[in-house]
Amino acid sequence: VYPDFTVVVTTAQTFRIIIDGDPILPSPTVKVSPIVGLVHLAGNLIGSLLANHNLHATYDDEKSKKLTYTVTTPPVHGQLVFLSSVSPVQVAATFTQADVAAEVIAYVLNPPFDEGITTDAFVVDVTASDGARSTPAVLRVDWSWIFVEQRMLEVREGDSAYVDVVVLRRGDLGLSAFVTVSA
């Protein structure tokens, strides 16, 4: 075996090392944080905007705006849409980090709205302009439903001084929920 370490040498030895295999190439990294809560969006839609704090990819020195997301597993209970000033258009399964930063991509819940469903998820891969790809990243969308048990209450003068209103909640975001009632 060369070099021979059993013999003491007093002169420098030079030898060549060959490493077989593919070099390890850097890949984009993706940071995800769950989307928590749904809001009313334009066009009478219920959903949530994707933002940099929910989905952010970086890659070496490349401008992150050029990174492209590809949805490899779409959400089950909703869809990703591109919100334009005219009307929402379904995303063609790809969008960029610049779109996320501009908050023009939204998760939209599909009707009919089922009070028993309080979470959804989708999987994205990120591709850089040189072809480098990230490992799949899962982005969760969590929400809760808060509603009153009876849609209409009939109260007459002379009846009890109190009205019992039962408020129900489905899903737990670990956040406080506030309900206001007005006449």
N, C-alpha and C. Protein backbone atom coordinates (compact mmCIF):
# COMPACT_ATOMS: atom_id res chain seq x y z
N VAL A 1 0.85 -1.18 0.00
CA VAL A 1 0.00 0.00 0.00
C VAL A 1 0.89 1.23 0.00
N TYR A 2 0.57 2.14 -0.86
CA TYR A 2 1.37 3.34 -0.98
C TYR A 2 0.63 4.50 -0.35
N PRO A 3 1.13 5.37 0.41
CA PRO A 3 2.52 5.35 0.88
C PRO A 3 2.68 4.35 2.01
N ASP A 4 3.86 3.93 2.23
CA ASP A 4 4.17 2.94 3.25
C ASP A 4 4.44 3.68 4.55
N PHE A 5 3.50 3.59 5.50
CA PHE A 5 3.64 4.30 6.76
C PHE A 5 4.45 3.53 7.79
N THR A 6 4.85 2.31 7.42
CA THR A 6 5.64 1.53 8.37
C THR A 6 7.12 1.89 8.31
N VAL A 7 7.50 2.61 7.26
CA VAL A 7 8.88 3.01 7.11
C VAL A 7 8.98 4.50 7.42
N VAL A 8 9.94 4.86 8.23
CA VAL A 8 10.17 6.25 8.56
C VAL A 8 10.89 6.90 7.39
N VAL A 9 10.34 8.02 6.91
CA VAL A 9 10.95 8.73 5.80
C VAL A 9 11.30 10.13 6.26
N THR A 10 12.33 10.66 5.70
CA THR A 10 12.76 12.01 6.06
C THR A 10 12.55 13.00 4.93
N THR A 11 12.10 12.51 3.79
CA THR A 11 11.83 13.40 2.66
C THR A 11 10.33 13.42 2.40
N ALA A 12 9.85 14.51 1.80
CA ALA A 12 8.43 14.67 1.51
C ALA A 12 7.97 13.64 0.50
N GLN A 13 6.78 13.13 0.69
CA GLN A 13 6.18 12.18 -0.25
C GLN A 13 5.00 12.87 -0.93
N THR A 14 4.85 12.66 -2.20
CA THR A 14 3.73 13.21 -2.95
C THR A 14 2.95 12.04 -3.53
N PHE A 15 1.64 12.08 -3.36
CA PHE A 15 0.81 11.03 -3.94
C PHE A 15 -0.50 11.64 -4.38
N ARG A 16 -1.17 10.95 -5.27
CA ARG A 16 -2.40 11.44 -5.88
C ARG A 16 -3.58 10.68 -5.28
N ILE A 17 -4.65 11.42 -4.93
CA ILE A 17 -5.86 10.81 -4.40
C ILE A 17 -6.98 11.06 -5.40
N ILE A 18 -7.66 10.04 -5.80
CA ILE A 18 -8.79 10.15 -6.73
C ILE A 18 -10.06 9.75 -5.98
N ILE A 19 -11.05 10.62 -6.01
CA ILE A 19 -12.34 10.37 -5.37
C ILE A 19 -13.36 10.16 -6.45
N ASP A 20 -13.93 8.97 -6.49
CA ASP A 20 -14.96 8.67 -7.48
C ASP A 20 -16.31 9.16 -6.98
N GLY A 21 -17.20 9.46 -7.91
CA GLY A 21 -18.55 9.87 -7.55
C GLY A 21 -18.83 11.28 -8.01
N ASP A 22 -20.09 11.63 -7.93
CA ASP A 22 -20.53 12.96 -8.33
C ASP A 22 -20.18 13.97 -7.25
N PRO A 23 -19.78 15.16 -7.65
CA PRO A 23 -19.54 16.18 -6.64
C PRO A 23 -20.86 16.60 -6.01
N ILE A 24 -20.81 17.00 -4.78
CA ILE A 24 -22.01 17.45 -4.08
C ILE A 24 -22.27 18.90 -4.48
N LEU A 25 -23.38 19.09 -5.16
CA LEU A 25 -23.74 20.42 -5.62
C LEU A 25 -24.66 21.08 -4.61
N PRO A 26 -24.53 22.37 -4.41
CA PRO A 26 -25.46 23.05 -3.51
C PRO A 26 -26.86 23.05 -4.10
N SER A 27 -27.84 23.11 -3.25
CA SER A 27 -29.22 23.16 -3.72
C SER A 27 -29.95 24.27 -2.98
N PRO A 28 -31.03 24.77 -3.57
CA PRO A 28 -31.81 25.82 -2.88
C PRO A 28 -32.35 25.31 -1.56
N THR A 29 -32.42 26.19 -0.59
CA THR A 29 -33.02 25.84 0.69
C THR A 29 -34.35 26.57 0.81
N VAL A 30 -35.30 25.90 1.42
CA VAL A 30 -36.64 26.44 1.55
C VAL A 30 -37.02 26.49 3.02
N LYS A 31 -37.45 27.66 3.48
CA LYS A 31 -37.95 27.82 4.84
C LYS A 31 -39.46 27.96 4.75
N VAL A 32 -40.16 27.13 5.51
CA VAL A 32 -41.62 27.20 5.52
C VAL A 32 -42.12 27.42 6.93
N SER A 33 -43.20 28.15 7.02
CA SER A 33 -43.90 28.39 8.27
C SER A 33 -45.39 28.29 7.95
N PRO A 34 -46.14 27.53 8.73
CA PRO A 34 -47.55 27.31 8.38
C PRO A 34 -48.34 28.61 8.20
N ILE A 35 -49.26 28.57 7.28
CA ILE A 35 -50.22 29.66 7.12
C ILE A 35 -51.29 29.43 8.18
N VAL A 36 -51.56 30.43 8.99
CA VAL A 36 -52.51 30.28 10.09
C VAL A 36 -53.67 31.24 9.85
N GLY A 37 -54.85 30.68 9.66
CA GLY A 37 -56.05 31.48 9.51
C GLY A 37 -56.40 31.76 8.06
N LEU A 38 -57.67 31.97 7.83
CA LEU A 38 -58.21 32.33 6.52
C LEU A 38 -58.90 33.68 6.63
N VAL A 39 -58.93 34.42 5.53
CA VAL A 39 -59.59 35.72 5.49
C VAL A 39 -60.43 35.80 4.22
N HIS A 40 -61.27 36.82 4.16
CA HIS A 40 -62.03 37.07 2.93
C HIS A 40 -61.09 37.75 1.93
N LEU A 41 -60.98 37.18 0.75
CA LEU A 41 -60.17 37.74 -0.33
C LEU A 41 -61.08 38.36 -1.37
N ALA A 42 -60.49 39.04 -2.32
CA ALA A 42 -61.26 39.65 -3.41
C ALA A 42 -62.05 38.57 -4.15
N GLY A 43 -63.18 38.95 -4.69
CA GLY A 43 -63.99 38.02 -5.46
C GLY A 43 -64.76 37.04 -4.60
N ASN A 44 -65.05 37.42 -3.35
CA ASN A 44 -65.83 36.58 -2.44
C ASN A 44 -65.16 35.22 -2.18
N LEU A 45 -63.85 35.21 -2.15
CA LEU A 45 -63.09 33.99 -1.88
C LEU A 45 -62.65 33.96 -0.43
N ILE A 46 -62.48 32.76 0.10
CA ILE A 46 -61.94 32.59 1.45
C ILE A 46 -60.59 31.89 1.31
N GLY A 47 -59.56 32.51 1.89
CA GLY A 47 -58.23 31.92 1.76
C GLY A 47 -57.20 32.74 2.51
N SER A 48 -55.94 32.61 2.08
CA SER A 48 -54.86 33.33 2.72
C SER A 48 -53.74 33.56 1.71
N LEU A 49 -53.14 34.75 1.79
CA LEU A 49 -52.04 35.08 0.89
C LEU A 49 -50.76 34.38 1.34
N LEU A 50 -49.96 33.93 0.38
CA LEU A 50 -48.63 33.42 0.68
C LEU A 50 -47.70 34.62 0.79
N ALA A 51 -46.85 34.62 1.80
CA ALA A 51 -45.92 35.73 2.01
C ALA A 51 -44.54 35.16 2.32
N ASN A 52 -43.54 36.03 2.30
CA ASN A 52 -42.17 35.60 2.56
C ASN A 52 -42.01 34.91 3.91
N HIS A 53 -42.79 35.31 4.90
CA HIS A 53 -42.65 34.66 6.21
C HIS A 53 -43.24 33.25 6.21
N ASN A 54 -44.05 32.89 5.22
CA ASN A 54 -44.59 31.54 5.10
C ASN A 54 -43.73 30.65 4.20
N LEU A 55 -43.19 31.24 3.15
CA LEU A 55 -42.48 30.47 2.14
C LEU A 55 -41.35 31.31 1.58
N HIS A 56 -40.11 30.89 1.87
CA HIS A 56 -38.97 31.67 1.40
C HIS A 56 -37.82 30.74 1.02
N ALA A 57 -37.32 30.90 -0.20
CA ALA A 57 -36.23 30.07 -0.69
C ALA A 57 -34.99 30.93 -0.92
N THR A 58 -33.83 30.34 -0.68
CA THR A 58 -32.55 31.01 -0.94
C THR A 58 -31.64 30.03 -1.65
N TYR A 59 -30.68 30.59 -2.40
CA TYR A 59 -29.74 29.74 -3.12
C TYR A 59 -28.48 30.53 -3.41
N ASP A 60 -27.38 30.17 -2.79
CA ASP A 60 -26.07 30.78 -3.02
C ASP A 60 -26.18 32.27 -3.28
N ASP A 61 -25.56 32.71 -4.36
CA ASP A 61 -25.55 34.14 -4.69
C ASP A 61 -26.67 34.54 -5.65
N GLU A 62 -27.46 33.55 -6.07
CA GLU A 62 -28.51 33.85 -7.05
C GLU A 62 -29.60 34.68 -6.40
N LYS A 63 -30.12 35.61 -7.15
CA LYS A 63 -31.22 36.43 -6.66
C LYS A 63 -32.42 35.52 -6.36
N SER A 64 -32.94 35.60 -5.16
CA SER A 64 -34.03 34.70 -4.78
C SER A 64 -35.28 34.95 -5.61
N LYS A 65 -35.41 36.14 -6.18
CA LYS A 65 -36.59 36.42 -7.00
C LYS A 65 -36.67 35.51 -8.22
N LYS A 66 -35.52 34.99 -8.68
CA LYS A 66 -35.49 34.15 -9.87
C LYS A 66 -35.81 32.68 -9.57
N LEU A 67 -35.87 32.31 -8.31
CA LEU A 67 -36.16 30.92 -7.96
C LEU A 67 -37.61 30.59 -8.30
N THR A 68 -37.82 29.39 -8.86
CA THR A 68 -39.14 28.98 -9.30
C THR A 68 -39.67 27.85 -8.43
N TYR A 69 -40.87 28.03 -7.93
CA TYR A 69 -41.56 27.00 -7.16
C TYR A 69 -42.40 26.16 -8.11
N THR A 70 -42.37 24.86 -7.93
CA THR A 70 -43.23 23.95 -8.67
C THR A 70 -44.05 23.17 -7.65
N VAL A 71 -45.37 23.23 -7.79
CA VAL A 71 -46.25 22.51 -6.88
C VAL A 71 -46.27 21.06 -7.34
N THR A 72 -45.69 20.17 -6.52
CA THR A 72 -45.63 18.76 -6.90
C THR A 72 -46.81 17.97 -6.34
N THR A 73 -47.36 18.41 -5.22
CA THR A 73 -48.58 17.82 -4.66
C THR A 73 -49.50 18.98 -4.29
N PRO A 74 -50.60 19.14 -5.03
CA PRO A 74 -51.49 20.29 -4.76
C PRO A 74 -52.28 20.09 -3.47
N PRO A 75 -52.85 21.18 -2.95
CA PRO A 75 -53.70 21.05 -1.75
C PRO A 75 -54.94 20.21 -2.06
N VAL A 76 -55.47 19.55 -1.05
CA VAL A 76 -56.63 18.68 -1.21
C VAL A 76 -57.94 19.47 -1.14
N HIS A 77 -58.02 20.44 -0.22
CA HIS A 77 -59.28 21.14 0.04
C HIS A 77 -59.31 22.55 -0.56
N GLY A 78 -58.30 22.92 -1.29
CA GLY A 78 -58.24 24.25 -1.87
C GLY A 78 -57.38 24.24 -3.12
N GLN A 79 -57.01 25.42 -3.53
CA GLN A 79 -56.14 25.55 -4.69
C GLN A 79 -55.29 26.81 -4.54
N LEU A 80 -54.19 26.84 -5.27
CA LEU A 80 -53.35 28.03 -5.30
C LEU A 80 -53.76 28.85 -6.50
N VAL A 81 -53.99 30.13 -6.28
CA VAL A 81 -54.41 31.01 -7.38
C VAL A 81 -53.52 32.23 -7.42
N PHE A 82 -53.41 32.78 -8.60
CA PHE A 82 -52.71 34.05 -8.81
C PHE A 82 -53.77 35.13 -8.75
N LEU A 83 -53.66 36.04 -7.80
CA LEU A 83 -54.65 37.11 -7.66
C LEU A 83 -54.25 38.28 -8.55
N SER A 84 -55.06 38.54 -9.54
CA SER A 84 -54.81 39.69 -10.41
C SER A 84 -55.86 40.74 -10.13
N SER A 85 -55.69 41.90 -10.73
CA SER A 85 -56.65 42.97 -10.51
C SER A 85 -57.98 42.68 -11.21
N VAL A 86 -57.97 41.79 -12.19
CA VAL A 86 -59.19 41.48 -12.93
C VAL A 86 -59.97 40.38 -12.22
N SER A 87 -59.40 39.23 -12.10
CA SER A 87 -60.05 38.11 -11.43
C SER A 87 -58.99 37.07 -11.09
N PRO A 88 -59.27 36.22 -10.09
CA PRO A 88 -58.28 35.21 -9.75
C PRO A 88 -58.15 34.18 -10.87
N VAL A 89 -56.93 33.82 -11.16
CA VAL A 89 -56.65 32.83 -12.19
C VAL A 89 -55.86 31.71 -11.51
N GLN A 90 -56.23 30.48 -11.77
CA GLN A 90 -55.51 29.38 -11.14
C GLN A 90 -54.06 29.37 -11.59
N VAL A 91 -53.18 29.17 -10.64
CA VAL A 91 -51.75 29.11 -10.92
C VAL A 91 -51.47 27.86 -11.74
N ALA A 92 -50.59 27.99 -12.71
CA ALA A 92 -50.23 26.87 -13.57
C ALA A 92 -49.20 25.98 -12.89
N ALA A 93 -49.36 25.77 -11.61
CA ALA A 93 -48.50 24.90 -10.80
C ALA A 93 -47.08 25.43 -10.62
N THR A 94 -46.76 26.62 -11.13
CA THR A 94 -45.45 27.21 -10.90
C THR A 94 -45.61 28.70 -10.59
N PHE A 95 -44.70 29.20 -9.74
CA PHE A 95 -44.65 30.62 -9.43
C PHE A 95 -43.25 30.91 -8.92
N THR A 96 -42.92 32.19 -8.75
CA THR A 96 -41.57 32.57 -8.36
C THR A 96 -41.55 33.13 -6.94
N GLN A 97 -40.34 33.28 -6.41
CA GLN A 97 -40.19 33.91 -5.09
C GLN A 97 -40.65 35.36 -5.16
N ALA A 98 -40.47 36.01 -6.32
CA ALA A 98 -40.94 37.39 -6.49
C ALA A 98 -42.46 37.45 -6.35
N ASP A 99 -43.18 36.44 -6.86
CA ASP A 99 -44.64 36.39 -6.70
C ASP A 99 -45.03 36.27 -5.23
N VAL A 100 -44.29 35.45 -4.49
CA VAL A 100 -44.56 35.28 -3.06
C VAL A 100 -44.30 36.60 -2.34
N ALA A 101 -43.18 37.25 -2.66
CA ALA A 101 -42.82 38.52 -2.01
C ALA A 101 -43.86 39.60 -2.31
N ALA A 102 -44.44 39.59 -3.51
CA ALA A 102 -45.45 40.57 -3.89
C ALA A 102 -46.84 40.21 -3.34
N GLU A 103 -46.94 39.04 -2.71
CA GLU A 103 -48.20 38.55 -2.15
C GLU A 103 -49.32 38.52 -3.18
N VAL A 104 -49.02 37.93 -4.34
CA VAL A 104 -50.04 37.77 -5.38
C VAL A 104 -50.45 36.32 -5.55
N ILE A 105 -49.88 35.42 -4.72
CA ILE A 105 -50.27 34.02 -4.74
C ILE A 105 -51.08 33.76 -3.47
N ALA A 106 -52.21 33.08 -3.60
CA ALA A 106 -53.06 32.82 -2.45
C ALA A 106 -53.52 31.37 -2.43
N TYR A 107 -53.67 30.85 -1.23
CA TYR A 107 -54.36 29.58 -1.04
C TYR A 107 -55.83 29.94 -0.91
N VAL A 108 -56.68 29.30 -1.70
CA VAL A 108 -58.12 29.57 -1.67
C VAL A 108 -58.84 28.27 -1.35
N LEU A 109 -59.68 28.32 -0.33
CA LEU A 109 -60.46 27.16 0.10
C LEU A 109 -61.58 26.91 -0.90
N ASN A 110 -61.73 25.64 -1.31
CA ASN A 110 -62.79 25.28 -2.25
C ASN A 110 -64.12 25.14 -1.54
N PRO A 111 -65.21 25.72 -2.11
CA PRO A 111 -66.53 25.48 -1.53
C PRO A 111 -67.00 24.07 -1.92
N PRO A 112 -67.95 23.47 -1.25
CA PRO A 112 -68.61 23.98 -0.05
C PRO A 112 -67.67 23.87 1.15
N PHE A 113 -67.80 24.79 2.07
CA PHE A 113 -66.91 24.85 3.22
C PHE A 113 -67.37 23.87 4.28
N ASP A 114 -66.57 22.91 4.57
CA ASP A 114 -66.87 21.87 5.54
C ASP A 114 -66.28 22.27 6.89
N GLU A 115 -67.14 22.43 7.89
CA GLU A 115 -66.68 22.86 9.21
C GLU A 115 -65.78 21.84 9.89
N GLY A 116 -65.77 20.60 9.39
CA GLY A 116 -64.93 19.57 9.98
C GLY A 116 -63.51 19.60 9.45
N ILE A 117 -63.27 20.32 8.37
CA ILE A 117 -61.93 20.39 7.77
C ILE A 117 -61.26 21.67 8.24
N THR A 118 -60.10 21.52 8.88
CA THR A 118 -59.42 22.69 9.44
C THR A 118 -57.94 22.73 9.07
N THR A 119 -57.51 21.90 8.14
CA THR A 119 -56.12 21.92 7.72
C THR A 119 -55.97 21.41 6.30
N ASP A 120 -54.94 21.85 5.63
CA ASP A 120 -54.63 21.41 4.29
C ASP A 120 -53.12 21.56 4.12
N ALA A 121 -52.57 21.02 3.07
CA ALA A 121 -51.13 21.12 2.83
C ALA A 121 -50.85 20.93 1.35
N PHE A 122 -49.71 21.45 0.93
CA PHE A 122 -49.24 21.20 -0.44
C PHE A 122 -47.73 21.11 -0.41
N VAL A 123 -47.17 20.49 -1.44
CA VAL A 123 -45.72 20.26 -1.51
C VAL A 123 -45.16 21.02 -2.70
N VAL A 124 -44.02 21.71 -2.47
CA VAL A 124 -43.35 22.44 -3.54
C VAL A 124 -41.88 22.02 -3.62
N ASP A 125 -41.34 22.11 -4.83
CA ASP A 125 -39.91 22.00 -5.08
C ASP A 125 -39.46 23.35 -5.59
N VAL A 126 -38.23 23.73 -5.30
CA VAL A 126 -37.69 24.98 -5.80
C VAL A 126 -36.57 24.66 -6.78
N THR A 127 -36.59 25.34 -7.92
CA THR A 127 -35.57 25.14 -8.95
C THR A 127 -34.87 26.46 -9.23
N ALA A 128 -33.54 26.40 -9.28
CA ALA A 128 -32.74 27.57 -9.63
C ALA A 128 -32.51 27.59 -11.14
N SER A 129 -32.02 28.71 -11.66
CA SER A 129 -31.82 28.84 -13.10
C SER A 129 -30.77 27.88 -13.63
N ASP A 130 -29.86 27.39 -12.77
CA ASP A 130 -28.86 26.44 -13.21
C ASP A 130 -29.34 25.00 -13.11
N GLY A 131 -30.61 24.80 -12.72
CA GLY A 131 -31.18 23.46 -12.65
C GLY A 131 -31.11 22.82 -11.27
N ALA A 132 -30.43 23.44 -10.33
CA ALA A 132 -30.36 22.89 -8.98
C ALA A 132 -31.75 22.89 -8.37
N ARG A 133 -32.09 21.78 -7.66
CA ARG A 133 -33.42 21.63 -7.08
C ARG A 133 -33.32 21.43 -5.58
N SER A 134 -34.32 21.89 -4.88
CA SER A 134 -34.40 21.70 -3.44
C SER A 134 -35.02 20.35 -3.13
N THR A 135 -34.94 19.97 -1.88
CA THR A 135 -35.73 18.82 -1.44
C THR A 135 -37.17 19.31 -1.31
N PRO A 136 -38.14 18.42 -1.43
CA PRO A 136 -39.55 18.85 -1.33
C PRO A 136 -39.83 19.52 0.01
N ALA A 137 -40.61 20.58 -0.04
CA ALA A 137 -41.01 21.31 1.17
C ALA A 137 -42.53 21.26 1.29
N VAL A 138 -43.02 20.96 2.48
CA VAL A 138 -44.45 20.87 2.73
C VAL A 138 -44.89 22.15 3.44
N LEU A 139 -45.89 22.81 2.87
CA LEU A 139 -46.46 24.01 3.49
C LEU A 139 -47.87 23.68 3.97
N ARG A 140 -48.10 23.84 5.26
CA ARG A 140 -49.41 23.58 5.85
C ARG A 140 -50.23 24.85 5.92
N VAL A 141 -51.54 24.67 5.82
CA VAL A 141 -52.49 25.76 6.00
C VAL A 141 -53.45 25.29 7.09
N ASP A 142 -53.49 26.04 8.19
CA ASP A 142 -54.36 25.68 9.32
C ASP A 142 -55.35 26.81 9.59
N TRP A 143 -56.56 26.44 9.95
CA TRP A 143 -57.57 27.44 10.29
C TRP A 143 -58.57 26.83 11.26
N SER A 144 -59.41 27.67 11.81
CA SER A 144 -60.50 27.19 12.66
C SER A 144 -61.78 27.90 12.23
N TRP A 145 -62.87 27.22 12.48
CA TRP A 145 -64.19 27.78 12.19
C TRP A 145 -64.82 28.22 13.51
N ILE A 146 -65.38 29.40 13.53
CA ILE A 146 -66.10 29.88 14.70
C ILE A 146 -67.48 30.29 14.20
N PHE A 147 -68.51 29.72 14.82
CA PHE A 147 -69.86 30.00 14.36
C PHE A 147 -70.84 29.83 15.51
N VAL A 148 -72.03 30.40 15.35
CA VAL A 148 -73.07 30.26 16.37
C VAL A 148 -73.91 29.04 16.03
N GLU A 149 -74.40 28.39 17.09
CA GLU A 149 -75.15 27.15 16.90
C GLU A 149 -76.47 27.41 16.16
N GLN A 150 -77.15 28.51 16.53
CA GLN A 150 -78.40 28.85 15.86
C GLN A 150 -78.18 30.07 14.98
N ARG A 151 -78.62 29.98 13.74
CA ARG A 151 -78.39 31.09 12.82
C ARG A 151 -79.30 32.28 13.13
N MET A 152 -80.50 32.02 13.68
CA MET A 152 -81.41 33.12 14.03
C MET A 152 -81.92 32.91 15.45
N LEU A 153 -82.03 34.00 16.17
CA LEU A 153 -82.58 33.98 17.52
C LEU A 153 -83.78 34.93 17.55
N GLU A 154 -84.86 34.47 18.17
CA GLU A 154 -86.03 35.33 18.30
C GLU A 154 -86.17 35.69 19.77
N VAL A 155 -86.16 36.98 20.04
CA VAL A 155 -86.26 37.46 21.42
C VAL A 155 -87.43 38.43 21.49
N ARG A 156 -88.27 38.24 22.50
CA ARG A 156 -89.43 39.12 22.69
C ARG A 156 -89.29 39.84 24.01
N GLU A 157 -89.87 41.04 24.06
CA GLU A 157 -89.88 41.76 25.33
C GLU A 157 -90.66 40.95 26.36
N GLY A 158 -90.22 41.01 27.56
CA GLY A 158 -90.89 40.27 28.62
C GLY A 158 -90.30 38.88 28.82
N ASP A 159 -89.60 38.39 27.83
CA ASP A 159 -88.93 37.09 27.99
C ASP A 159 -87.76 37.27 28.95
N SER A 160 -87.00 36.28 29.12
CA SER A 160 -85.85 36.31 30.02
C SER A 160 -84.96 37.50 29.71
N ALA A 161 -84.27 37.99 30.73
CA ALA A 161 -83.38 39.13 30.56
C ALA A 161 -82.09 38.74 29.83
N TYR A 162 -81.90 37.46 29.64
CA TYR A 162 -80.67 36.99 28.99
C TYR A 162 -81.00 36.14 27.77
N VAL A 163 -80.11 36.16 26.82
CA VAL A 163 -80.23 35.31 25.64
C VAL A 163 -78.99 34.43 25.61
N ASP A 164 -79.22 33.13 25.55
CA ASP A 164 -78.11 32.20 25.47
C ASP A 164 -77.70 32.03 24.01
N VAL A 165 -76.46 32.36 23.73
CA VAL A 165 -75.91 32.19 22.39
C VAL A 165 -74.76 31.20 22.50
N VAL A 166 -74.89 30.08 21.80
CA VAL A 166 -73.86 29.06 21.85
C VAL A 166 -72.90 29.28 20.68
N VAL A 167 -71.63 29.51 21.01
CA VAL A 167 -70.59 29.71 20.00
C VAL A 167 -69.77 28.44 19.92
N LEU A 168 -69.63 27.90 18.72
CA LEU A 168 -68.87 26.67 18.51
C LEU A 168 -67.58 26.97 17.77
N ARG A 169 -66.59 26.14 18.03
CA ARG A 169 -65.30 26.31 17.35
C ARG A 169 -64.82 24.94 16.87
N ARG A 170 -64.38 24.87 15.62
CA ARG A 170 -63.79 23.66 15.06
C ARG A 170 -62.36 24.01 14.65
N GLY A 171 -61.41 23.23 15.13
CA GLY A 171 -60.01 23.50 14.84
C GLY A 171 -59.40 24.31 15.95
N ASP A 172 -58.13 24.08 16.21
CA ASP A 172 -57.44 24.79 17.27
C ASP A 172 -56.11 25.30 16.75
N LEU A 173 -55.97 26.59 16.66
CA LEU A 173 -54.75 27.20 16.18
C LEU A 173 -53.82 27.57 17.33
N GLY A 174 -54.27 27.31 18.55
CA GLY A 174 -53.49 27.69 19.70
C GLY A 174 -53.52 29.20 19.94
N LEU A 175 -54.51 29.86 19.37
CA LEU A 175 -54.67 31.31 19.50
C LEU A 175 -56.02 31.62 20.14
N SER A 176 -56.11 32.77 20.74
CA SER A 176 -57.38 33.22 21.29
C SER A 176 -58.30 33.64 20.15
N ALA A 177 -59.58 33.41 20.33
CA ALA A 177 -60.58 33.82 19.34
C ALA A 177 -61.55 34.77 20.02
N PHE A 178 -61.91 35.83 19.34
CA PHE A 178 -62.84 36.82 19.89
C PHE A 178 -64.08 36.88 19.03
N VAL A 179 -65.22 36.87 19.68
CA VAL A 179 -66.49 36.92 18.97
C VAL A 179 -67.25 38.13 19.46
N THR A 180 -67.76 38.93 18.54
CA THR A 180 -68.60 40.06 18.89
C THR A 180 -69.99 39.84 18.33
N VAL A 181 -70.98 40.32 19.06
CA VAL A 181 -72.37 40.19 18.63
C VAL A 181 -72.96 41.58 18.59
N SER A 182 -73.61 41.89 17.49
CA SER A 182 -74.26 43.20 17.38
C SER A 182 -75.65 43.02 16.83
N ALA A 183 -76.51 43.98 17.12
CA ALA A 183 -77.89 43.91 16.68
C ALA A 183 -78.04 44.58 15.34
